Amino acid sequence: MLQEGLALLPDRYGRLATRNLPRLRGLLAPAVGGPGLDGRGRRGPAVEAGDRVRSGRVYISEYVDMTRDETAAYCQGFDRSDPLGTMPGFTPWEMTWLDNTAARGINAAVESAATTHGWTFVTGIHAGYRARGYCAQPHWIVRLHESFLGQGDMNGTAHPNRAGLLFNGDAIQAALLNDLYPEGVGAPPREPDRPRAPVATPPAG
């Protein structure tokens, strides 16, 4: 099932790049009536080189690592000392598989899409969660009981919690500032067509 899902990602990212994002007129595509668009701002048959330059305004980030404890070891089975920190139904082997196969496979697909479509790939997020997974103390992942307490169902489980989202936001902000203000925030911003600097990432908390 994972392999089938991963195989679908390039096409889905391709549709996002060619159908959805170009509709954000003036941000990711030329102005109305400009190259590649008709008078209503819809995508025409031609894709101009300038579209790819503007597509660099798209930032896409890594997925997190939810599988490790505060020592960066993979989460183990049921822990009587911290029963709520146990991911229900998951064994240590499955946690290893989630990281090495699922998460890394998804992140590889995301990075490939960023390269293909000229997006900015924000890194450092997966590594930043290395000691902040589901079973860690402190943890940056919503646990099952926290999801029920916070939103009344299980659907928030395994997503980043507030601390995790703050870390993700810092990583994205660092990428934006590094891109837009390569000489520092106090200096003038980068000119639109000037090559961008490598993306900086915040240290893990």
N, C-alpha and C. Protein backbone atom coordinates (compact mmCIF):
# COMPACT_ATOMS: atom_id res chain seq x y z
N MET A 1 0.83 -1.20 0.00
CA MET A 1 0.00 0.00 0.00
C MET A 1 0.88 1.26 0.00
N LEU A 2 1.95 1.24 0.80
CA LEU A 2 2.85 2.39 0.84
C LEU A 2 3.46 2.64 -0.53
N GLN A 3 3.95 1.58 -1.17
CA GLN A 3 4.57 1.74 -2.48
C GLN A 3 3.59 2.27 -3.51
N GLU A 4 2.33 1.83 -3.42
CA GLU A 4 1.32 2.33 -4.34
C GLU A 4 1.08 3.82 -4.11
N GLY A 5 1.03 4.21 -2.82
CA GLY A 5 0.84 5.62 -2.50
C GLY A 5 2.00 6.48 -2.96
N LEU A 6 3.23 5.99 -2.74
CA LEU A 6 4.41 6.74 -3.16
C LEU A 6 4.46 6.89 -4.68
N ALA A 7 4.00 5.85 -5.38
CA ALA A 7 4.01 5.90 -6.84
C ALA A 7 3.05 6.96 -7.38
N LEU A 8 2.02 7.30 -6.61
CA LEU A 8 1.04 8.29 -7.04
C LEU A 8 1.50 9.73 -6.78
N LEU A 9 2.47 9.90 -5.88
CA LEU A 9 2.85 11.25 -5.47
C LEU A 9 3.39 12.12 -6.61
N PRO A 10 4.26 11.62 -7.49
CA PRO A 10 4.75 12.51 -8.56
C PRO A 10 3.63 13.10 -9.40
N ASP A 11 2.63 12.28 -9.74
CA ASP A 11 1.52 12.79 -10.55
C ASP A 11 0.71 13.81 -9.77
N ARG A 12 0.51 13.57 -8.49
CA ARG A 12 -0.28 14.51 -7.69
C ARG A 12 0.45 15.83 -7.49
N TYR A 13 1.74 15.76 -7.27
CA TYR A 13 2.52 17.00 -7.17
C TYR A 13 2.56 17.71 -8.52
N GLY A 14 2.59 16.93 -9.60
CA GLY A 14 2.56 17.53 -10.93
C GLY A 14 1.27 18.28 -11.19
N ARG A 15 0.15 17.71 -10.77
CA ARG A 15 -1.13 18.41 -10.94
C ARG A 15 -1.18 19.66 -10.08
N LEU A 16 -0.61 19.56 -8.88
CA LEU A 16 -0.55 20.75 -8.02
C LEU A 16 0.24 21.86 -8.70
N ALA A 17 1.35 21.49 -9.33
CA ALA A 17 2.23 22.48 -9.95
C ALA A 17 1.63 23.09 -11.21
N THR A 18 0.91 22.27 -12.00
CA THR A 18 0.46 22.75 -13.31
C THR A 18 -0.99 23.22 -13.32
N ARG A 19 -1.79 22.76 -12.35
CA ARG A 19 -3.22 23.11 -12.38
C ARG A 19 -3.62 24.06 -11.25
N ASN A 20 -3.15 23.79 -10.06
CA ASN A 20 -3.63 24.55 -8.90
C ASN A 20 -2.81 25.81 -8.62
N LEU A 21 -1.51 25.65 -8.49
CA LEU A 21 -0.68 26.79 -8.11
C LEU A 21 -0.71 27.93 -9.14
N PRO A 22 -0.76 27.64 -10.44
CA PRO A 22 -0.80 28.76 -11.39
C PRO A 22 -2.04 29.64 -11.26
N ARG A 23 -3.06 29.17 -10.57
CA ARG A 23 -4.26 29.98 -10.38
C ARG A 23 -4.04 31.12 -9.38
N LEU A 24 -2.96 31.05 -8.63
CA LEU A 24 -2.66 32.11 -7.68
C LEU A 24 -2.03 33.27 -8.44
N ARG A 25 -2.84 33.96 -9.17
CA ARG A 25 -2.41 34.98 -10.11
C ARG A 25 -1.64 36.11 -9.41
N GLY A 26 -0.50 36.49 -9.97
CA GLY A 26 0.29 37.57 -9.43
C GLY A 26 1.28 37.12 -8.37
N LEU A 27 1.07 35.94 -7.82
CA LEU A 27 2.00 35.42 -6.82
C LEU A 27 2.91 34.36 -7.43
N LEU A 28 2.29 33.40 -8.12
CA LEU A 28 3.05 32.31 -8.70
C LEU A 28 3.01 32.29 -10.21
N ALA A 29 2.23 33.18 -10.82
CA ALA A 29 2.10 33.20 -12.26
C ALA A 29 2.14 34.63 -12.76
N PRO A 30 2.37 34.86 -14.04
CA PRO A 30 2.38 36.22 -14.58
C PRO A 30 1.04 36.91 -14.37
N ALA A 31 1.04 38.22 -14.52
CA ALA A 31 -0.18 38.99 -14.35
C ALA A 31 -1.20 38.62 -15.42
N VAL A 32 -2.46 39.00 -15.20
CA VAL A 32 -3.52 38.70 -16.15
C VAL A 32 -3.13 39.20 -17.53
N GLY A 33 -3.30 38.34 -18.53
CA GLY A 33 -2.95 38.71 -19.89
C GLY A 33 -1.49 38.51 -20.21
N GLY A 34 -0.69 38.11 -19.23
CA GLY A 34 0.73 37.90 -19.46
C GLY A 34 0.99 36.55 -20.07
N PRO A 35 2.25 36.20 -20.28
CA PRO A 35 2.61 34.94 -20.92
C PRO A 35 2.04 33.74 -20.17
N GLY A 36 1.48 32.81 -20.90
CA GLY A 36 1.01 31.57 -20.31
C GLY A 36 -0.39 31.65 -19.75
N LEU A 37 -1.03 32.84 -19.72
CA LEU A 37 -2.37 32.98 -19.18
C LEU A 37 -3.26 33.66 -20.21
N ASP A 38 -4.57 33.34 -20.15
CA ASP A 38 -5.50 34.05 -21.00
C ASP A 38 -6.01 35.29 -20.27
N GLY A 39 -6.98 35.98 -20.84
CA GLY A 39 -7.46 37.22 -20.26
C GLY A 39 -8.14 37.06 -18.93
N ARG A 40 -8.51 35.82 -18.59
CA ARG A 40 -9.17 35.57 -17.30
C ARG A 40 -8.20 35.01 -16.27
N GLY A 41 -6.95 34.99 -16.60
CA GLY A 41 -5.95 34.49 -15.67
C GLY A 41 -5.84 32.99 -15.64
N ARG A 42 -6.42 32.32 -16.65
CA ARG A 42 -6.35 30.87 -16.70
C ARG A 42 -5.10 30.42 -17.44
N ARG A 43 -4.64 29.24 -17.13
CA ARG A 43 -3.42 28.71 -17.73
C ARG A 43 -3.63 28.43 -19.21
N GLY A 44 -2.75 28.95 -20.03
CA GLY A 44 -2.79 28.67 -21.45
C GLY A 44 -1.91 27.48 -21.77
N PRO A 45 -1.76 27.15 -23.05
CA PRO A 45 -0.98 25.96 -23.42
C PRO A 45 0.52 26.13 -23.23
N ALA A 46 1.00 27.37 -23.25
CA ALA A 46 2.45 27.60 -23.15
C ALA A 46 2.86 27.82 -21.71
N VAL A 47 3.97 27.27 -21.33
CA VAL A 47 4.55 27.51 -20.01
C VAL A 47 5.85 28.27 -20.20
N GLU A 48 5.88 29.51 -19.75
CA GLU A 48 7.04 30.35 -19.97
C GLU A 48 8.12 30.08 -18.93
N ALA A 49 9.36 30.44 -19.26
CA ALA A 49 10.47 30.25 -18.32
C ALA A 49 10.25 31.03 -17.05
N GLY A 50 9.59 32.18 -17.16
CA GLY A 50 9.34 33.00 -15.98
C GLY A 50 8.47 32.33 -14.95
N ASP A 51 7.63 31.38 -15.41
CA ASP A 51 6.78 30.67 -14.46
C ASP A 51 7.62 29.86 -13.49
N ARG A 52 8.69 29.26 -13.98
CA ARG A 52 9.54 28.45 -13.11
C ARG A 52 10.27 29.32 -12.09
N VAL A 53 10.67 30.53 -12.50
CA VAL A 53 11.29 31.45 -11.54
C VAL A 53 10.32 31.77 -10.43
N ARG A 54 9.08 32.07 -10.81
CA ARG A 54 8.08 32.39 -9.80
C ARG A 54 7.72 31.17 -8.96
N SER A 55 7.84 29.97 -9.54
CA SER A 55 7.51 28.78 -8.77
C SER A 55 8.45 28.59 -7.60
N GLY A 56 9.62 29.26 -7.62
CA GLY A 56 10.51 29.21 -6.48
C GLY A 56 9.91 29.82 -5.23
N ARG A 57 8.79 30.50 -5.39
CA ARG A 57 8.10 31.05 -4.23
C ARG A 57 7.31 29.99 -3.47
N VAL A 58 7.26 28.79 -3.99
CA VAL A 58 6.58 27.69 -3.31
C VAL A 58 7.57 27.02 -2.37
N TYR A 59 7.19 26.91 -1.11
CA TYR A 59 8.03 26.25 -0.10
C TYR A 59 7.31 24.98 0.35
N ILE A 60 8.02 23.87 0.30
CA ILE A 60 7.46 22.60 0.71
C ILE A 60 8.44 21.95 1.68
N SER A 61 7.92 21.42 2.77
CA SER A 61 8.80 20.96 3.85
C SER A 61 8.77 19.45 4.01
N GLU A 62 9.77 18.96 4.72
CA GLU A 62 9.84 17.55 5.07
C GLU A 62 8.71 17.17 6.02
N TYR A 63 8.42 15.86 6.06
CA TYR A 63 7.57 15.32 7.10
C TYR A 63 8.42 15.03 8.34
N VAL A 64 7.76 14.91 9.46
CA VAL A 64 8.46 14.78 10.74
C VAL A 64 8.86 13.33 11.01
N ASP A 65 9.68 13.15 12.02
CA ASP A 65 10.02 11.82 12.54
C ASP A 65 9.29 11.64 13.87
N MET A 66 8.28 10.79 13.88
CA MET A 66 7.47 10.59 15.09
C MET A 66 7.87 9.35 15.86
N THR A 67 8.98 8.71 15.49
CA THR A 67 9.25 7.34 15.93
C THR A 67 10.22 7.19 17.09
N ARG A 68 10.80 8.28 17.62
CA ARG A 68 11.91 8.13 18.57
C ARG A 68 11.62 8.78 19.92
N ASP A 69 12.32 8.26 20.93
CA ASP A 69 12.18 8.81 22.27
C ASP A 69 13.22 9.91 22.50
N GLU A 70 13.32 10.38 23.74
CA GLU A 70 14.20 11.51 24.03
C GLU A 70 15.69 11.16 23.91
N THR A 71 16.03 9.88 23.83
CA THR A 71 17.42 9.48 23.60
C THR A 71 17.70 9.22 22.12
N ALA A 72 16.71 9.45 21.29
CA ALA A 72 16.78 9.21 19.84
C ALA A 72 16.72 7.73 19.49
N ALA A 73 16.35 6.87 20.46
CA ALA A 73 16.12 5.46 20.18
C ALA A 73 14.67 5.29 19.71
N TYR A 74 14.44 4.28 18.89
CA TYR A 74 13.08 4.03 18.43
C TYR A 74 12.18 3.66 19.60
N CYS A 75 10.95 4.14 19.56
CA CYS A 75 9.98 3.86 20.62
C CYS A 75 9.82 2.35 20.78
N GLN A 76 9.80 1.91 22.03
CA GLN A 76 9.67 0.50 22.34
C GLN A 76 8.20 0.12 22.52
N GLY A 77 7.97 -1.08 23.03
CA GLY A 77 6.61 -1.53 23.27
C GLY A 77 6.00 -0.84 24.49
N PHE A 78 4.99 -1.47 25.06
CA PHE A 78 4.26 -0.87 26.18
C PHE A 78 5.21 -0.56 27.34
N ASP A 79 5.13 0.66 27.84
CA ASP A 79 5.97 1.12 28.94
C ASP A 79 5.07 1.40 30.14
N ARG A 80 5.18 0.57 31.19
CA ARG A 80 4.32 0.74 32.36
C ARG A 80 4.57 2.08 33.05
N SER A 81 5.78 2.61 32.92
CA SER A 81 6.08 3.89 33.57
C SER A 81 5.49 5.07 32.81
N ASP A 82 5.14 4.87 31.56
CA ASP A 82 4.56 5.94 30.74
C ASP A 82 3.58 5.32 29.75
N PRO A 83 2.47 4.76 30.25
CA PRO A 83 1.54 4.06 29.35
C PRO A 83 0.95 4.94 28.26
N LEU A 84 0.77 6.21 28.55
CA LEU A 84 0.18 7.11 27.54
C LEU A 84 1.18 7.47 26.45
N GLY A 85 2.45 7.18 26.70
CA GLY A 85 3.48 7.46 25.70
C GLY A 85 3.71 6.31 24.75
N THR A 86 2.91 5.25 24.87
CA THR A 86 3.03 4.10 23.98
C THR A 86 2.08 4.26 22.80
N MET A 87 2.59 4.14 21.62
CA MET A 87 1.74 4.20 20.42
C MET A 87 0.96 2.90 20.33
N PRO A 88 -0.36 2.96 20.51
CA PRO A 88 -1.15 1.72 20.57
C PRO A 88 -0.98 0.85 19.32
N GLY A 89 -0.65 -0.42 19.55
CA GLY A 89 -0.57 -1.37 18.46
C GLY A 89 0.72 -1.39 17.68
N PHE A 90 1.70 -0.54 18.04
CA PHE A 90 2.94 -0.46 17.29
C PHE A 90 4.08 -1.12 18.05
N THR A 91 4.84 -1.95 17.35
CA THR A 91 6.02 -2.59 17.91
C THR A 91 7.26 -1.77 17.56
N PRO A 92 8.39 -2.03 18.25
CA PRO A 92 9.63 -1.34 17.87
C PRO A 92 10.01 -1.56 16.41
N TRP A 93 9.79 -2.77 15.90
CA TRP A 93 10.10 -3.03 14.49
C TRP A 93 9.27 -2.14 13.58
N GLU A 94 8.00 -1.96 13.92
CA GLU A 94 7.13 -1.12 13.09
C GLU A 94 7.54 0.35 13.17
N MET A 95 8.02 0.78 14.32
CA MET A 95 8.52 2.15 14.42
C MET A 95 9.74 2.35 13.52
N THR A 96 10.61 1.35 13.49
CA THR A 96 11.78 1.42 12.61
C THR A 96 11.35 1.49 11.15
N TRP A 97 10.36 0.68 10.79
CA TRP A 97 9.84 0.69 9.42
C TRP A 97 9.21 2.04 9.09
N LEU A 98 8.46 2.60 10.03
CA LEU A 98 7.83 3.90 9.80
C LEU A 98 8.85 4.97 9.44
N ASP A 99 9.99 4.93 10.13
CA ASP A 99 11.03 5.94 9.87
C ASP A 99 11.81 5.62 8.60
N ASN A 100 12.40 4.44 8.56
CA ASN A 100 13.33 4.12 7.48
C ASN A 100 12.66 3.92 6.12
N THR A 101 11.43 3.45 6.13
CA THR A 101 10.75 3.16 4.86
C THR A 101 9.68 4.20 4.54
N ALA A 102 8.74 4.41 5.47
CA ALA A 102 7.61 5.29 5.18
C ALA A 102 8.03 6.76 5.14
N ALA A 103 8.55 7.26 6.26
CA ALA A 103 8.88 8.69 6.34
C ALA A 103 9.95 9.08 5.33
N ARG A 104 11.00 8.28 5.25
CA ARG A 104 12.08 8.63 4.33
C ARG A 104 11.64 8.49 2.87
N GLY A 105 10.75 7.54 2.60
CA GLY A 105 10.23 7.41 1.24
C GLY A 105 9.38 8.61 0.85
N ILE A 106 8.54 9.06 1.77
CA ILE A 106 7.70 10.24 1.50
C ILE A 106 8.58 11.47 1.33
N ASN A 107 9.55 11.64 2.21
CA ASN A 107 10.42 12.82 2.11
C ASN A 107 11.24 12.82 0.82
N ALA A 108 11.63 11.64 0.36
CA ALA A 108 12.35 11.56 -0.91
C ALA A 108 11.45 12.00 -2.07
N ALA A 109 10.16 11.62 -1.99
CA ALA A 109 9.21 12.02 -3.03
C ALA A 109 8.97 13.52 -2.99
N VAL A 110 8.91 14.09 -1.79
CA VAL A 110 8.71 15.53 -1.65
C VAL A 110 9.92 16.28 -2.22
N GLU A 111 11.12 15.82 -1.89
CA GLU A 111 12.33 16.48 -2.41
C GLU A 111 12.40 16.37 -3.93
N SER A 112 12.03 15.21 -4.46
CA SER A 112 12.03 15.04 -5.91
C SER A 112 11.05 15.99 -6.58
N ALA A 113 9.87 16.16 -5.98
CA ALA A 113 8.88 17.09 -6.53
C ALA A 113 9.40 18.52 -6.49
N ALA A 114 10.07 18.88 -5.41
CA ALA A 114 10.63 20.23 -5.30
C ALA A 114 11.66 20.48 -6.40
N THR A 115 12.51 19.49 -6.64
CA THR A 115 13.52 19.62 -7.70
C THR A 115 12.87 19.72 -9.07
N THR A 116 11.87 18.88 -9.31
CA THR A 116 11.20 18.85 -10.61
C THR A 116 10.50 20.16 -10.93
N HIS A 117 9.84 20.73 -9.93
CA HIS A 117 8.98 21.89 -10.18
C HIS A 117 9.60 23.21 -9.74
N GLY A 118 10.84 23.18 -9.28
CA GLY A 118 11.51 24.42 -8.91
C GLY A 118 11.05 25.00 -7.59
N TRP A 119 10.48 24.16 -6.72
CA TRP A 119 10.05 24.63 -5.41
C TRP A 119 11.23 24.67 -4.44
N THR A 120 11.06 25.35 -3.34
CA THR A 120 12.07 25.39 -2.29
C THR A 120 11.78 24.29 -1.27
N PHE A 121 12.72 23.38 -1.10
CA PHE A 121 12.55 22.25 -0.18
C PHE A 121 13.14 22.62 1.17
N VAL A 122 12.29 22.69 2.18
CA VAL A 122 12.72 23.08 3.53
C VAL A 122 13.14 21.83 4.29
N THR A 123 14.40 21.76 4.65
CA THR A 123 14.95 20.58 5.33
C THR A 123 15.14 20.86 6.82
N GLY A 124 15.64 19.86 7.53
CA GLY A 124 15.93 20.00 8.95
C GLY A 124 14.78 19.63 9.85
N ILE A 125 13.60 19.40 9.29
CA ILE A 125 12.42 19.12 10.12
C ILE A 125 12.43 17.67 10.59
N HIS A 126 12.66 16.74 9.70
CA HIS A 126 12.71 15.33 10.10
C HIS A 126 13.79 15.11 11.15
N ALA A 127 14.98 15.65 10.92
CA ALA A 127 16.08 15.49 11.89
C ALA A 127 15.78 16.20 13.20
N GLY A 128 15.05 17.31 13.14
CA GLY A 128 14.75 18.07 14.35
C GLY A 128 13.87 17.33 15.34
N TYR A 129 13.12 16.34 14.84
CA TYR A 129 12.23 15.55 15.71
C TYR A 129 12.91 14.28 16.23
N ARG A 130 14.19 14.15 15.99
CA ARG A 130 14.90 12.90 16.28
C ARG A 130 14.75 12.47 17.73
N ALA A 131 14.64 13.39 18.66
CA ALA A 131 14.47 13.04 20.08
C ALA A 131 13.17 13.62 20.63
N ARG A 132 12.18 13.83 19.75
CA ARG A 132 10.92 14.45 20.16
C ARG A 132 9.72 13.71 19.60
N GLY A 133 9.85 12.39 19.43
CA GLY A 133 8.78 11.60 18.83
C GLY A 133 7.63 11.31 19.78
N TYR A 134 6.78 10.39 19.38
CA TYR A 134 5.55 10.08 20.11
C TYR A 134 5.83 9.70 21.56
N CYS A 135 6.86 8.90 21.80
CA CYS A 135 7.12 8.38 23.14
C CYS A 135 8.12 9.23 23.92
N ALA A 136 8.60 10.32 23.35
CA ALA A 136 9.62 11.14 24.00
C ALA A 136 9.03 12.05 25.07
N GLN A 137 9.89 12.48 25.99
CA GLN A 137 9.55 13.50 26.98
C GLN A 137 10.65 14.55 26.98
N PRO A 138 10.37 15.76 26.50
CA PRO A 138 9.08 16.20 25.94
C PRO A 138 8.90 15.68 24.52
N HIS A 139 7.66 15.68 24.05
CA HIS A 139 7.35 15.20 22.71
C HIS A 139 6.71 16.31 21.89
N TRP A 140 6.94 16.23 20.59
CA TRP A 140 6.38 17.22 19.66
C TRP A 140 5.28 16.60 18.80
N ILE A 141 4.80 15.44 19.18
CA ILE A 141 3.79 14.70 18.44
C ILE A 141 2.55 14.54 19.32
N VAL A 142 1.38 14.74 18.73
CA VAL A 142 0.12 14.57 19.47
C VAL A 142 -0.09 13.09 19.75
N ARG A 143 -0.28 12.76 21.01
CA ARG A 143 -0.59 11.39 21.41
C ARG A 143 -2.09 11.14 21.30
N LEU A 144 -2.44 9.85 21.33
CA LEU A 144 -3.84 9.46 21.13
C LEU A 144 -4.77 10.14 22.12
N HIS A 145 -4.42 10.08 23.41
CA HIS A 145 -5.31 10.68 24.41
C HIS A 145 -5.36 12.20 24.28
N GLU A 146 -4.25 12.80 23.82
CA GLU A 146 -4.23 14.25 23.63
C GLU A 146 -5.15 14.67 22.49
N SER A 147 -5.23 13.83 21.47
CA SER A 147 -6.14 14.12 20.37
C SER A 147 -7.59 14.11 20.84
N PHE A 148 -7.95 13.10 21.64
CA PHE A 148 -9.32 13.04 22.16
C PHE A 148 -9.61 14.23 23.07
N LEU A 149 -8.63 14.59 23.91
CA LEU A 149 -8.83 15.73 24.81
C LEU A 149 -8.91 17.04 24.04
N GLY A 150 -8.14 17.16 22.99
CA GLY A 150 -8.07 18.43 22.28
C GLY A 150 -9.15 18.66 21.25
N GLN A 151 -9.58 17.58 20.57
CA GLN A 151 -10.55 17.77 19.49
C GLN A 151 -11.68 16.75 19.48
N GLY A 152 -11.70 15.86 20.48
CA GLY A 152 -12.83 14.95 20.63
C GLY A 152 -12.80 13.74 19.73
N ASP A 153 -11.70 13.50 19.03
CA ASP A 153 -11.57 12.30 18.21
C ASP A 153 -10.10 11.92 18.11
N MET A 154 -9.82 10.84 17.37
CA MET A 154 -8.45 10.34 17.26
C MET A 154 -7.68 10.92 16.08
N ASN A 155 -8.31 11.77 15.30
CA ASN A 155 -7.73 12.17 14.02
C ASN A 155 -6.53 13.09 14.13
N GLY A 156 -6.28 13.65 15.31
CA GLY A 156 -5.10 14.49 15.48
C GLY A 156 -3.86 13.71 15.87
N THR A 157 -4.03 12.41 16.15
CA THR A 157 -2.92 11.57 16.59
C THR A 157 -1.80 11.52 15.56
N ALA A 158 -0.57 11.61 16.06
CA ALA A 158 0.65 11.51 15.24
C ALA A 158 0.94 12.74 14.41
N HIS A 159 0.15 13.80 14.57
CA HIS A 159 0.47 15.08 13.94
C HIS A 159 1.33 15.91 14.90
N PRO A 160 2.04 16.91 14.41
CA PRO A 160 2.80 17.78 15.31
C PRO A 160 1.90 18.50 16.30
N ASN A 161 2.36 18.62 17.55
CA ASN A 161 1.63 19.42 18.53
C ASN A 161 2.11 20.88 18.44
N ARG A 162 1.73 21.68 19.42
CA ARG A 162 2.08 23.10 19.35
C ARG A 162 3.59 23.32 19.27
N ALA A 163 4.33 22.59 20.12
CA ALA A 163 5.79 22.75 20.11
C ALA A 163 6.38 22.33 18.76
N GLY A 164 5.84 21.24 18.21
CA GLY A 164 6.32 20.79 16.92
C GLY A 164 6.02 21.78 15.81
N LEU A 165 4.81 22.33 15.83
CA LEU A 165 4.45 23.31 14.81
C LEU A 165 5.30 24.57 14.91
N LEU A 166 5.64 24.96 16.14
CA LEU A 166 6.53 26.12 16.31
C LEU A 166 7.90 25.84 15.69
N PHE A 167 8.40 24.63 15.89
CA PHE A 167 9.69 24.26 15.29
C PHE A 167 9.59 24.27 13.77
N ASN A 168 8.51 23.68 13.24
CA ASN A 168 8.32 23.68 11.79
C ASN A 168 8.27 25.10 11.24
N GLY A 169 7.53 25.95 11.96
CA GLY A 169 7.42 27.34 11.54
C GLY A 169 8.76 28.05 11.53
N ASP A 170 9.59 27.76 12.55
CA ASP A 170 10.93 28.36 12.59
C ASP A 170 11.77 27.92 11.39
N ALA A 171 11.63 26.64 11.01
CA ALA A 171 12.40 26.14 9.87
C ALA A 171 11.96 26.83 8.58
N ILE A 172 10.66 26.99 8.41
CA ILE A 172 10.15 27.65 7.21
C ILE A 172 10.52 29.13 7.21
N GLN A 173 10.42 29.77 8.38
CA GLN A 173 10.80 31.18 8.48
C GLN A 173 12.28 31.36 8.15
N ALA A 174 13.12 30.46 8.65
CA ALA A 174 14.56 30.55 8.36
C ALA A 174 14.82 30.43 6.86
N ALA A 175 14.08 29.53 6.21
CA ALA A 175 14.25 29.38 4.76
C ALA A 175 13.81 30.64 4.03
N LEU A 176 12.70 31.23 4.45
CA LEU A 176 12.20 32.45 3.83
C LEU A 176 13.19 33.61 4.01
N LEU A 177 13.65 33.81 5.25
CA LEU A 177 14.56 34.92 5.51
C LEU A 177 15.89 34.73 4.79
N ASN A 178 16.36 33.50 4.75
CA ASN A 178 17.61 33.22 4.06
C ASN A 178 17.49 33.48 2.56
N ASP A 179 16.30 33.24 2.05
CA ASP A 179 16.04 33.45 0.63
C ASP A 179 15.82 34.92 0.31
N LEU A 180 14.95 35.57 1.09
CA LEU A 180 14.56 36.95 0.79
C LEU A 180 15.58 37.97 1.26
N TYR A 181 16.31 37.66 2.33
CA TYR A 181 17.30 38.60 2.88
C TYR A 181 18.65 37.90 3.04
N PRO A 182 19.29 37.54 1.94
CA PRO A 182 20.54 36.77 2.02
C PRO A 182 21.67 37.51 2.72
N GLU A 183 21.60 38.84 2.80
CA GLU A 183 22.64 39.62 3.47
C GLU A 183 22.23 40.04 4.87
N GLY A 184 21.14 39.46 5.38
CA GLY A 184 20.66 39.81 6.70
C GLY A 184 19.38 40.60 6.63
N VAL A 185 18.57 40.51 7.70
CA VAL A 185 17.26 41.15 7.71
C VAL A 185 17.38 42.66 7.62
N GLY A 186 18.46 43.24 8.14
CA GLY A 186 18.62 44.68 8.08
C GLY A 186 19.03 45.21 6.72
N ALA A 187 19.41 44.30 5.82
CA ALA A 187 19.84 44.71 4.47
C ALA A 187 18.64 44.69 3.52
N PRO A 188 18.78 45.29 2.34
CA PRO A 188 17.69 45.25 1.36
C PRO A 188 17.38 43.81 0.96
N PRO A 189 16.14 43.52 0.60
CA PRO A 189 15.78 42.16 0.18
C PRO A 189 16.41 41.80 -1.15
N ARG A 190 16.50 40.53 -1.39
CA ARG A 190 17.05 40.03 -2.66
C ARG A 190 16.17 40.48 -3.83
N GLU A 191 16.80 40.83 -4.93
CA GLU A 191 16.05 41.14 -6.14
C GLU A 191 15.39 39.87 -6.66
N PRO A 192 14.21 39.97 -7.27
CA PRO A 192 13.43 38.78 -7.64
C PRO A 192 14.18 37.74 -8.45
N ASP A 193 15.02 38.14 -9.40
CA ASP A 193 15.68 37.19 -10.27
C ASP A 193 17.10 36.83 -9.84
N ARG A 194 17.50 37.34 -8.69
CA ARG A 194 18.84 37.02 -8.18
C ARG A 194 18.86 35.60 -7.63
N PRO A 195 19.89 34.81 -7.91
CA PRO A 195 19.95 33.44 -7.39
C PRO A 195 19.82 33.41 -5.87
N ARG A 196 19.14 32.38 -5.40
CA ARG A 196 18.90 32.26 -3.97
C ARG A 196 20.05 31.56 -3.27
N ALA A 197 20.23 31.90 -2.00
CA ALA A 197 21.26 31.25 -1.19
C ALA A 197 20.75 29.90 -0.72
N PRO A 198 21.65 28.98 -0.30
CA PRO A 198 21.21 27.70 0.27
C PRO A 198 20.32 27.94 1.48
N VAL A 199 19.35 27.05 1.67
CA VAL A 199 18.38 27.20 2.75
C VAL A 199 19.01 26.84 4.08
N ALA A 200 18.87 27.73 5.07
CA ALA A 200 19.35 27.46 6.42
C ALA A 200 18.24 26.82 7.23
N THR A 201 18.57 25.99 8.19
CA THR A 201 17.57 25.36 9.04
C THR A 201 17.92 25.60 10.50
N PRO A 202 16.90 25.71 11.37
CA PRO A 202 17.16 25.96 12.78
C PRO A 202 17.70 24.72 13.47
N PRO A 203 18.43 24.86 14.56
CA PRO A 203 18.91 23.69 15.30
C PRO A 203 17.75 22.98 15.98
N ALA A 204 17.90 21.70 16.22
CA ALA A 204 16.87 20.94 16.91
C ALA A 204 16.76 21.40 18.35
N GLY A 205 15.53 21.37 18.86
CA GLY A 205 15.33 21.81 20.23
C GLY A 205 15.63 20.73 21.24
